[in-house]
Amino acid sequence: MSMLSRWLTPCVLLLTLAGCASSPEFDETGVDRSLTPKLAADRGEGVVGERVIWGGTIIDSQNLAEETRLEVLAYPLNSWERPRESGTAQGRFLVLRSGYLETADYAPGRQITVVGPVDALQDGRIGETSYTYPVVRADTLHLWREESAGASSGPRVNFGIGVIFSN
């Protein structure tokens, strides 16, 4: 084995492992993946207690006396459980999380994924329209990192040797 190959193999392996992006772990025990926020609202009180994993884009966030409430527009989740905004919206839901969340971080436009039981159904309004919100009591709440323009949500692995000059 030559000196070059003795060093090259471990370096390539190390670079390959460094390129692997890890995703958050979600406890999906007992989760009903077929239940969407729209379907939950349509089914009524029978969904209370069902454990779900939902995600989407935050529309509003408010700190209340003992908890934080997020209003979320739901989207289908990809294989990493991140919302896919390219999919069809699946309705709206509310998230309740005990304690204080910084609403500047949990701001409109940010993506989240939540795991927890449907705690209740709550009547509300969207503009002039009546709306029934499923309310999820968050056991797990993940705020996704904002992506820069043109970035994909897939794995980011790059191979190459070279020099890059930039300003």
N, C-alpha and C. Protein backbone atom coordinates (compact mmCIF):
# COMPACT_ATOMS: atom_id res chain seq x y z
N MET A 1 0.86 -1.17 0.00
CA MET A 1 0.00 0.00 0.00
C MET A 1 0.90 1.23 0.00
N SER A 2 0.66 2.10 -0.92
CA SER A 2 1.50 3.30 -1.04
C SER A 2 1.18 4.30 0.07
N MET A 3 2.10 5.20 0.28
CA MET A 3 1.93 6.23 1.31
C MET A 3 0.71 7.10 1.00
N LEU A 4 0.49 7.43 -0.28
CA LEU A 4 -0.65 8.27 -0.67
C LEU A 4 -1.97 7.58 -0.35
N SER A 5 -2.11 6.32 -0.72
CA SER A 5 -3.38 5.62 -0.48
C SER A 5 -3.60 5.37 1.01
N ARG A 6 -2.52 5.23 1.78
CA ARG A 6 -2.65 5.04 3.21
C ARG A 6 -3.28 6.27 3.87
N TRP A 7 -3.00 7.45 3.37
CA TRP A 7 -3.56 8.70 3.92
C TRP A 7 -4.86 9.09 3.23
N LEU A 8 -4.98 8.77 1.95
CA LEU A 8 -6.15 9.19 1.18
C LEU A 8 -7.43 8.49 1.65
N THR A 9 -7.36 7.20 1.91
CA THR A 9 -8.55 6.44 2.32
C THR A 9 -9.17 6.99 3.60
N PRO A 10 -8.39 7.18 4.68
CA PRO A 10 -9.02 7.75 5.89
C PRO A 10 -9.54 9.17 5.68
N CYS A 11 -8.85 9.96 4.86
CA CYS A 11 -9.31 11.33 4.61
C CYS A 11 -10.64 11.35 3.88
N VAL A 12 -10.78 10.48 2.87
CA VAL A 12 -12.04 10.41 2.12
C VAL A 12 -13.16 9.94 3.04
N LEU A 13 -12.89 8.95 3.89
CA LEU A 13 -13.89 8.46 4.83
C LEU A 13 -14.32 9.55 5.80
N LEU A 14 -13.37 10.29 6.32
CA LEU A 14 -13.66 11.38 7.25
C LEU A 14 -14.49 12.47 6.58
N LEU A 15 -14.15 12.84 5.36
CA LEU A 15 -14.91 13.86 4.64
C LEU A 15 -16.32 13.38 4.33
N THR A 16 -16.46 12.11 4.01
CA THR A 16 -17.79 11.55 3.74
C THR A 16 -18.67 11.63 4.98
N LEU A 17 -18.12 11.22 6.12
CA LEU A 17 -18.89 11.27 7.37
C LEU A 17 -19.21 12.70 7.77
N ALA A 18 -18.30 13.62 7.56
CA ALA A 18 -18.53 15.03 7.91
C ALA A 18 -19.62 15.63 7.05
N GLY A 19 -19.79 15.12 5.84
CA GLY A 19 -20.81 15.66 4.93
C GLY A 19 -22.21 15.20 5.25
N CYS A 20 -22.36 14.22 6.10
CA CYS A 20 -23.68 13.70 6.43
C CYS A 20 -24.36 14.65 7.42
N ALA A 21 -25.52 15.14 7.05
CA ALA A 21 -26.27 16.03 7.95
C ALA A 21 -27.18 15.18 8.81
N SER A 22 -27.21 15.46 10.09
CA SER A 22 -28.10 14.71 10.97
C SER A 22 -29.42 15.47 11.10
N SER A 23 -30.48 14.71 11.27
CA SER A 23 -31.78 15.33 11.47
C SER A 23 -32.22 15.05 12.90
N PRO A 24 -33.16 15.83 13.43
CA PRO A 24 -33.59 15.61 14.80
C PRO A 24 -34.32 14.27 14.95
N GLU A 25 -34.29 13.75 16.15
CA GLU A 25 -34.99 12.50 16.46
C GLU A 25 -36.37 12.84 17.02
N PHE A 26 -37.38 12.15 16.51
CA PHE A 26 -38.74 12.34 16.99
C PHE A 26 -39.26 11.00 17.50
N ASP A 27 -39.85 11.00 18.70
CA ASP A 27 -40.47 9.80 19.24
C ASP A 27 -41.85 9.67 18.61
N GLU A 28 -41.97 8.72 17.70
CA GLU A 28 -43.21 8.55 16.95
C GLU A 28 -44.06 7.41 17.50
N THR A 29 -43.79 6.99 18.72
CA THR A 29 -44.57 5.92 19.35
C THR A 29 -46.04 6.32 19.41
N GLY A 30 -46.90 5.50 18.82
CA GLY A 30 -48.34 5.73 18.88
C GLY A 30 -48.85 6.85 17.99
N VAL A 31 -48.01 7.36 17.10
CA VAL A 31 -48.41 8.47 16.23
C VAL A 31 -49.34 7.96 15.13
N ASP A 32 -50.42 8.68 14.88
CA ASP A 32 -51.34 8.38 13.78
C ASP A 32 -50.94 9.25 12.60
N ARG A 33 -50.20 8.67 11.65
CA ARG A 33 -49.69 9.43 10.49
C ARG A 33 -50.79 9.76 9.48
N SER A 34 -51.92 9.07 9.55
CA SER A 34 -52.99 9.34 8.59
C SER A 34 -53.82 10.56 8.97
N LEU A 35 -53.69 11.00 10.20
CA LEU A 35 -54.51 12.11 10.71
C LEU A 35 -53.86 13.45 10.38
N THR A 36 -54.52 14.24 9.55
CA THR A 36 -54.06 15.59 9.23
C THR A 36 -54.86 16.59 10.06
N PRO A 37 -54.39 17.84 10.17
CA PRO A 37 -55.17 18.83 10.91
C PRO A 37 -56.59 19.02 10.33
N LYS A 38 -56.72 19.03 9.03
CA LYS A 38 -58.05 19.19 8.40
C LYS A 38 -58.95 18.02 8.76
N LEU A 39 -58.42 16.82 8.65
CA LEU A 39 -59.19 15.62 8.98
C LEU A 39 -59.56 15.61 10.47
N ALA A 40 -58.64 16.03 11.33
CA ALA A 40 -58.92 16.08 12.77
C ALA A 40 -60.06 17.04 13.07
N ALA A 41 -60.04 18.22 12.43
CA ALA A 41 -61.11 19.19 12.63
C ALA A 41 -62.45 18.64 12.15
N ASP A 42 -62.43 17.91 11.03
CA ASP A 42 -63.66 17.33 10.48
C ASP A 42 -64.21 16.21 11.36
N ARG A 43 -63.33 15.43 11.99
CA ARG A 43 -63.76 14.29 12.81
C ARG A 43 -64.33 14.71 14.15
N GLY A 44 -63.94 15.87 14.64
CA GLY A 44 -64.49 16.35 15.90
C GLY A 44 -63.78 15.81 17.12
N GLU A 45 -64.48 15.85 18.26
CA GLU A 45 -63.91 15.54 19.57
C GLU A 45 -63.34 14.12 19.68
N GLY A 46 -63.67 13.23 18.76
CA GLY A 46 -63.16 11.86 18.81
C GLY A 46 -61.66 11.77 18.62
N VAL A 47 -61.03 12.84 18.12
CA VAL A 47 -59.58 12.81 17.89
C VAL A 47 -58.78 13.25 19.12
N VAL A 48 -59.46 13.79 20.12
CA VAL A 48 -58.75 14.24 21.32
C VAL A 48 -58.04 13.04 21.96
N GLY A 49 -56.77 13.22 22.24
CA GLY A 49 -55.95 12.15 22.79
C GLY A 49 -55.10 11.44 21.75
N GLU A 50 -55.45 11.59 20.46
CA GLU A 50 -54.65 10.98 19.39
C GLU A 50 -53.29 11.64 19.35
N ARG A 51 -52.24 10.85 19.21
CA ARG A 51 -50.86 11.36 19.13
C ARG A 51 -50.51 11.59 17.65
N VAL A 52 -49.99 12.79 17.36
CA VAL A 52 -49.71 13.16 15.97
C VAL A 52 -48.28 13.70 15.83
N ILE A 53 -47.79 13.68 14.59
CA ILE A 53 -46.59 14.41 14.22
C ILE A 53 -46.99 15.28 13.04
N TRP A 54 -47.02 16.58 13.28
CA TRP A 54 -47.42 17.54 12.27
C TRP A 54 -46.35 18.62 12.15
N GLY A 55 -46.30 19.24 11.01
CA GLY A 55 -45.37 20.33 10.81
C GLY A 55 -45.93 21.33 9.83
N GLY A 56 -45.31 22.47 9.79
CA GLY A 56 -45.76 23.50 8.87
C GLY A 56 -45.07 24.82 9.12
N THR A 57 -45.70 25.86 8.63
CA THR A 57 -45.17 27.21 8.71
C THR A 57 -45.94 27.99 9.77
N ILE A 58 -45.20 28.63 10.67
CA ILE A 58 -45.83 29.43 11.72
C ILE A 58 -46.52 30.64 11.10
N ILE A 59 -47.76 30.86 11.49
CA ILE A 59 -48.53 32.03 11.04
C ILE A 59 -48.55 33.09 12.13
N ASP A 60 -48.63 32.63 13.39
CA ASP A 60 -48.69 33.58 14.52
C ASP A 60 -48.12 32.90 15.75
N SER A 61 -47.52 33.70 16.64
CA SER A 61 -47.03 33.18 17.91
C SER A 61 -47.35 34.18 19.01
N GLN A 62 -47.81 33.64 20.15
CA GLN A 62 -48.19 34.50 21.28
C GLN A 62 -47.76 33.86 22.58
N ASN A 63 -47.15 34.64 23.45
CA ASN A 63 -46.86 34.18 24.81
C ASN A 63 -48.05 34.48 25.69
N LEU A 64 -48.54 33.45 26.36
CA LEU A 64 -49.66 33.57 27.29
C LEU A 64 -49.09 33.48 28.71
N ALA A 65 -49.95 33.50 29.70
CA ALA A 65 -49.50 33.53 31.10
C ALA A 65 -48.60 32.34 31.45
N GLU A 66 -48.95 31.13 31.03
CA GLU A 66 -48.22 29.93 31.43
C GLU A 66 -47.62 29.15 30.26
N GLU A 67 -47.91 29.58 29.05
CA GLU A 67 -47.48 28.80 27.88
C GLU A 67 -47.38 29.70 26.65
N THR A 68 -46.86 29.12 25.58
CA THR A 68 -46.79 29.82 24.30
C THR A 68 -47.71 29.11 23.33
N ARG A 69 -48.44 29.89 22.52
CA ARG A 69 -49.36 29.34 21.53
C ARG A 69 -48.87 29.73 20.14
N LEU A 70 -48.76 28.73 19.26
CA LEU A 70 -48.37 28.95 17.88
C LEU A 70 -49.52 28.55 16.97
N GLU A 71 -49.81 29.37 15.97
CA GLU A 71 -50.76 28.99 14.93
C GLU A 71 -49.91 28.57 13.73
N VAL A 72 -50.22 27.39 13.18
CA VAL A 72 -49.38 26.80 12.14
C VAL A 72 -50.24 26.38 10.95
N LEU A 73 -49.74 26.68 9.75
CA LEU A 73 -50.33 26.17 8.51
C LEU A 73 -49.59 24.88 8.18
N ALA A 74 -50.30 23.76 8.20
CA ALA A 74 -49.68 22.44 8.08
C ALA A 74 -49.35 22.09 6.63
N TYR A 75 -48.23 21.37 6.47
CA TYR A 75 -47.81 20.82 5.19
C TYR A 75 -47.37 19.38 5.41
N PRO A 76 -47.36 18.57 4.34
CA PRO A 76 -46.84 17.20 4.48
C PRO A 76 -45.37 17.25 4.91
N LEU A 77 -44.93 16.19 5.58
CA LEU A 77 -43.55 16.11 6.06
C LEU A 77 -42.70 15.25 5.12
N ASN A 78 -41.43 15.63 4.98
CA ASN A 78 -40.53 14.81 4.17
C ASN A 78 -39.95 13.69 5.04
N SER A 79 -38.98 12.95 4.52
CA SER A 79 -38.44 11.80 5.26
C SER A 79 -37.67 12.21 6.51
N TRP A 80 -37.29 13.47 6.64
CA TRP A 80 -36.62 13.99 7.84
C TRP A 80 -37.63 14.64 8.78
N GLU A 81 -38.93 14.57 8.44
CA GLU A 81 -40.04 15.16 9.20
C GLU A 81 -40.06 16.68 9.11
N ARG A 82 -39.44 17.22 8.07
CA ARG A 82 -39.49 18.66 7.84
C ARG A 82 -40.67 18.97 6.92
N PRO A 83 -41.41 20.05 7.18
CA PRO A 83 -42.54 20.40 6.31
C PRO A 83 -42.09 20.69 4.88
N ARG A 84 -42.87 20.17 3.91
CA ARG A 84 -42.61 20.42 2.49
C ARG A 84 -43.63 21.45 2.01
N GLU A 85 -43.23 22.70 1.92
CA GLU A 85 -44.14 23.76 1.49
C GLU A 85 -44.54 23.61 0.03
N SER A 86 -43.84 22.76 -0.70
CA SER A 86 -44.22 22.52 -2.09
C SER A 86 -45.45 21.61 -2.16
N GLY A 87 -45.79 20.99 -1.04
CA GLY A 87 -46.98 20.15 -0.99
C GLY A 87 -48.23 20.99 -0.78
N THR A 88 -49.37 20.33 -0.76
CA THR A 88 -50.65 21.01 -0.54
C THR A 88 -50.86 21.22 0.96
N ALA A 89 -51.27 22.42 1.34
CA ALA A 89 -51.54 22.71 2.75
C ALA A 89 -52.59 21.74 3.28
N GLN A 90 -52.42 21.31 4.54
CA GLN A 90 -53.30 20.32 5.16
C GLN A 90 -54.16 20.90 6.28
N GLY A 91 -54.38 22.20 6.25
CA GLY A 91 -55.18 22.84 7.28
C GLY A 91 -54.30 23.55 8.29
N ARG A 92 -54.94 24.13 9.29
CA ARG A 92 -54.24 24.85 10.35
C ARG A 92 -54.42 24.13 11.66
N PHE A 93 -53.46 24.35 12.55
CA PHE A 93 -53.57 23.81 13.90
C PHE A 93 -52.87 24.75 14.87
N LEU A 94 -53.18 24.59 16.14
CA LEU A 94 -52.54 25.37 17.20
C LEU A 94 -51.62 24.45 17.99
N VAL A 95 -50.50 25.00 18.42
CA VAL A 95 -49.55 24.29 19.27
C VAL A 95 -49.49 25.01 20.60
N LEU A 96 -49.60 24.26 21.69
CA LEU A 96 -49.40 24.81 23.03
C LEU A 96 -48.16 24.19 23.61
N ARG A 97 -47.26 25.04 24.08
CA ARG A 97 -46.00 24.57 24.70
C ARG A 97 -45.87 25.28 26.04
N SER A 98 -45.74 24.50 27.11
CA SER A 98 -45.59 25.07 28.45
C SER A 98 -44.36 25.96 28.50
N GLY A 99 -44.50 27.06 29.22
CA GLY A 99 -43.39 27.97 29.41
C GLY A 99 -43.29 29.00 28.29
N TYR A 100 -42.14 29.64 28.26
CA TYR A 100 -41.90 30.76 27.37
C TYR A 100 -41.07 30.33 26.17
N LEU A 101 -41.53 30.67 24.98
CA LEU A 101 -40.73 30.53 23.75
C LEU A 101 -40.52 31.93 23.20
N GLU A 102 -39.34 32.22 22.73
CA GLU A 102 -39.05 33.54 22.17
C GLU A 102 -39.78 33.69 20.83
N THR A 103 -40.78 34.57 20.82
CA THR A 103 -41.59 34.74 19.60
C THR A 103 -40.81 35.37 18.46
N ALA A 104 -39.67 35.99 18.75
CA ALA A 104 -38.82 36.48 17.67
C ALA A 104 -38.19 35.30 16.92
N ASP A 105 -37.92 34.21 17.63
CA ASP A 105 -37.41 33.00 16.99
C ASP A 105 -38.54 32.20 16.34
N TYR A 106 -39.65 32.06 17.06
CA TYR A 106 -40.81 31.33 16.57
C TYR A 106 -41.74 32.31 15.85
N ALA A 107 -41.19 32.95 14.83
CA ALA A 107 -41.87 34.05 14.13
C ALA A 107 -42.61 33.53 12.90
N PRO A 108 -43.58 34.30 12.42
CA PRO A 108 -44.26 33.93 11.19
C PRO A 108 -43.26 33.66 10.06
N GLY A 109 -43.54 32.57 9.34
CA GLY A 109 -42.69 32.18 8.22
C GLY A 109 -41.71 31.08 8.57
N ARG A 110 -41.43 30.87 9.87
CA ARG A 110 -40.51 29.80 10.27
C ARG A 110 -41.22 28.45 10.24
N GLN A 111 -40.46 27.40 10.00
CA GLN A 111 -41.01 26.05 9.94
C GLN A 111 -40.77 25.31 11.25
N ILE A 112 -41.77 24.52 11.66
CA ILE A 112 -41.64 23.69 12.85
C ILE A 112 -42.19 22.29 12.58
N THR A 113 -41.78 21.36 13.40
CA THR A 113 -42.39 20.03 13.47
C THR A 113 -42.69 19.78 14.94
N VAL A 114 -43.87 19.24 15.21
CA VAL A 114 -44.33 19.02 16.57
C VAL A 114 -44.85 17.60 16.72
N VAL A 115 -44.59 17.00 17.89
CA VAL A 115 -45.13 15.69 18.23
C VAL A 115 -45.86 15.85 19.55
N GLY A 116 -47.07 15.29 19.61
CA GLY A 116 -47.83 15.35 20.85
C GLY A 116 -49.27 14.95 20.62
N PRO A 117 -50.04 14.91 21.70
CA PRO A 117 -51.44 14.54 21.58
C PRO A 117 -52.31 15.73 21.17
N VAL A 118 -53.39 15.42 20.46
CA VAL A 118 -54.41 16.45 20.21
C VAL A 118 -55.10 16.66 21.55
N ASP A 119 -55.02 17.88 22.05
CA ASP A 119 -55.51 18.22 23.39
C ASP A 119 -56.97 18.65 23.37
N ALA A 120 -57.38 19.27 22.27
CA ALA A 120 -58.74 19.80 22.17
C ALA A 120 -58.99 20.26 20.75
N LEU A 121 -60.21 20.66 20.49
CA LEU A 121 -60.57 21.39 19.27
C LEU A 121 -61.03 22.76 19.73
N GLN A 122 -60.58 23.79 19.05
CA GLN A 122 -60.90 25.15 19.46
C GLN A 122 -61.48 25.92 18.29
N ASP A 123 -62.63 26.56 18.52
CA ASP A 123 -63.24 27.40 17.49
C ASP A 123 -62.50 28.72 17.40
N GLY A 124 -62.33 29.18 16.19
CA GLY A 124 -61.67 30.45 15.96
C GLY A 124 -62.14 31.05 14.65
N ARG A 125 -61.40 32.05 14.19
CA ARG A 125 -61.75 32.71 12.94
C ARG A 125 -60.49 32.94 12.12
N ILE A 126 -60.66 32.81 10.82
CA ILE A 126 -59.64 33.23 9.86
C ILE A 126 -60.32 34.29 9.02
N GLY A 127 -59.97 35.54 9.31
CA GLY A 127 -60.70 36.64 8.68
C GLY A 127 -62.13 36.61 9.16
N GLU A 128 -63.06 36.53 8.23
CA GLU A 128 -64.49 36.49 8.57
C GLU A 128 -65.04 35.06 8.63
N THR A 129 -64.19 34.08 8.40
CA THR A 129 -64.63 32.69 8.31
C THR A 129 -64.41 31.96 9.64
N SER A 130 -65.42 31.22 10.08
CA SER A 130 -65.28 30.38 11.27
C SER A 130 -64.36 29.21 10.94
N TYR A 131 -63.55 28.80 11.91
CA TYR A 131 -62.59 27.74 11.68
C TYR A 131 -62.43 26.93 12.96
N THR A 132 -62.28 25.61 12.83
CA THR A 132 -62.03 24.75 13.97
C THR A 132 -60.58 24.31 13.93
N TYR A 133 -59.84 24.66 14.99
CA TYR A 133 -58.42 24.34 15.10
C TYR A 133 -58.21 23.11 15.98
N PRO A 134 -57.53 22.09 15.51
CA PRO A 134 -57.04 21.07 16.44
C PRO A 134 -55.90 21.70 17.26
N VAL A 135 -55.85 21.41 18.54
CA VAL A 135 -54.82 21.96 19.43
C VAL A 135 -53.91 20.82 19.86
N VAL A 136 -52.61 20.94 19.58
CA VAL A 136 -51.64 19.92 19.95
C VAL A 136 -50.85 20.41 21.15
N ARG A 137 -50.79 19.57 22.18
CA ARG A 137 -49.95 19.84 23.36
C ARG A 137 -48.57 19.26 23.03
N ALA A 138 -47.59 20.12 22.80
CA ALA A 138 -46.29 19.70 22.28
C ALA A 138 -45.45 18.95 23.30
N ASP A 139 -45.18 17.67 23.01
CA ASP A 139 -44.17 16.93 23.76
C ASP A 139 -42.80 17.27 23.20
N THR A 140 -42.72 17.32 21.87
CA THR A 140 -41.50 17.66 21.15
C THR A 140 -41.82 18.76 20.17
N LEU A 141 -40.98 19.77 20.12
CA LEU A 141 -41.16 20.89 19.20
C LEU A 141 -39.79 21.20 18.60
N HIS A 142 -39.71 21.12 17.28
CA HIS A 142 -38.43 21.41 16.61
C HIS A 142 -38.61 22.60 15.67
N LEU A 143 -37.80 23.63 15.88
CA LEU A 143 -37.76 24.80 15.01
C LEU A 143 -36.67 24.55 13.99
N TRP A 144 -37.05 24.53 12.71
CA TRP A 144 -36.10 24.25 11.64
C TRP A 144 -35.26 25.47 11.32
N ARG A 145 -34.02 25.23 10.99
CA ARG A 145 -33.10 26.29 10.58
C ARG A 145 -33.61 26.89 9.27
N GLU A 146 -33.51 28.21 9.18
CA GLU A 146 -33.92 28.88 7.95
C GLU A 146 -32.92 28.54 6.86
N GLU A 147 -33.45 28.28 5.67
CA GLU A 147 -32.58 27.97 4.53
C GLU A 147 -32.37 29.21 3.70
N SER A 148 -31.18 29.32 3.18
CA SER A 148 -30.90 30.45 2.29
C SER A 148 -31.55 30.19 0.94
N ALA A 149 -31.74 31.23 0.17
CA ALA A 149 -32.38 31.13 -1.14
C ALA A 149 -31.62 30.13 -2.00
N GLY A 150 -32.37 29.25 -2.64
CA GLY A 150 -31.76 28.28 -3.56
C GLY A 150 -31.25 27.03 -2.87
N ALA A 151 -31.31 26.96 -1.56
CA ALA A 151 -30.84 25.77 -0.86
C ALA A 151 -31.91 24.69 -0.91
N SER A 152 -31.46 23.46 -1.00
CA SER A 152 -32.41 22.36 -1.01
C SER A 152 -32.54 21.82 0.40
N SER A 153 -33.61 21.07 0.65
CA SER A 153 -33.81 20.49 1.98
C SER A 153 -33.25 19.09 2.05
N GLY A 154 -32.58 18.62 1.00
CA GLY A 154 -32.00 17.29 0.99
C GLY A 154 -30.61 17.28 1.60
N PRO A 155 -29.99 16.10 1.61
CA PRO A 155 -28.64 16.00 2.16
C PRO A 155 -27.65 16.84 1.37
N ARG A 156 -26.68 17.37 2.07
CA ARG A 156 -25.67 18.20 1.42
C ARG A 156 -24.33 17.49 1.53
N VAL A 157 -23.90 16.86 0.45
CA VAL A 157 -22.62 16.19 0.42
C VAL A 157 -21.88 16.70 -0.79
N ASN A 158 -20.66 17.17 -0.59
CA ASN A 158 -19.84 17.67 -1.69
C ASN A 158 -18.50 16.97 -1.68
N PHE A 159 -18.03 16.61 -2.85
CA PHE A 159 -16.72 16.02 -2.99
C PHE A 159 -15.94 16.88 -3.98
N GLY A 160 -14.67 16.97 -3.77
CA GLY A 160 -13.85 17.70 -4.74
C GLY A 160 -12.56 18.17 -4.14
N ILE A 161 -11.68 18.49 -5.02
CA ILE A 161 -10.39 19.03 -4.65
C ILE A 161 -10.19 20.27 -5.49
N GLY A 162 -9.82 21.35 -4.88
CA GLY A 162 -9.61 22.55 -5.66
C GLY A 162 -9.46 23.77 -4.79
N VAL A 163 -9.41 24.89 -5.46
CA VAL A 163 -9.23 26.16 -4.80
C VAL A 163 -10.40 27.05 -5.19
N ILE A 164 -10.95 27.74 -4.21
CA ILE A 164 -12.05 28.66 -4.49
C ILE A 164 -11.60 30.06 -4.11
N PHE A 165 -11.77 30.98 -5.04
CA PHE A 165 -11.48 32.39 -4.77
C PHE A 165 -12.79 33.13 -4.72
N SER A 166 -12.97 33.96 -3.71
CA SER A 166 -14.19 34.76 -3.63
C SER A 166 -13.88 36.06 -2.92
N ASN A 167 -14.78 37.02 -3.08
CA ASN A 167 -14.61 38.32 -2.40
C ASN A 167 -15.30 38.28 -1.07
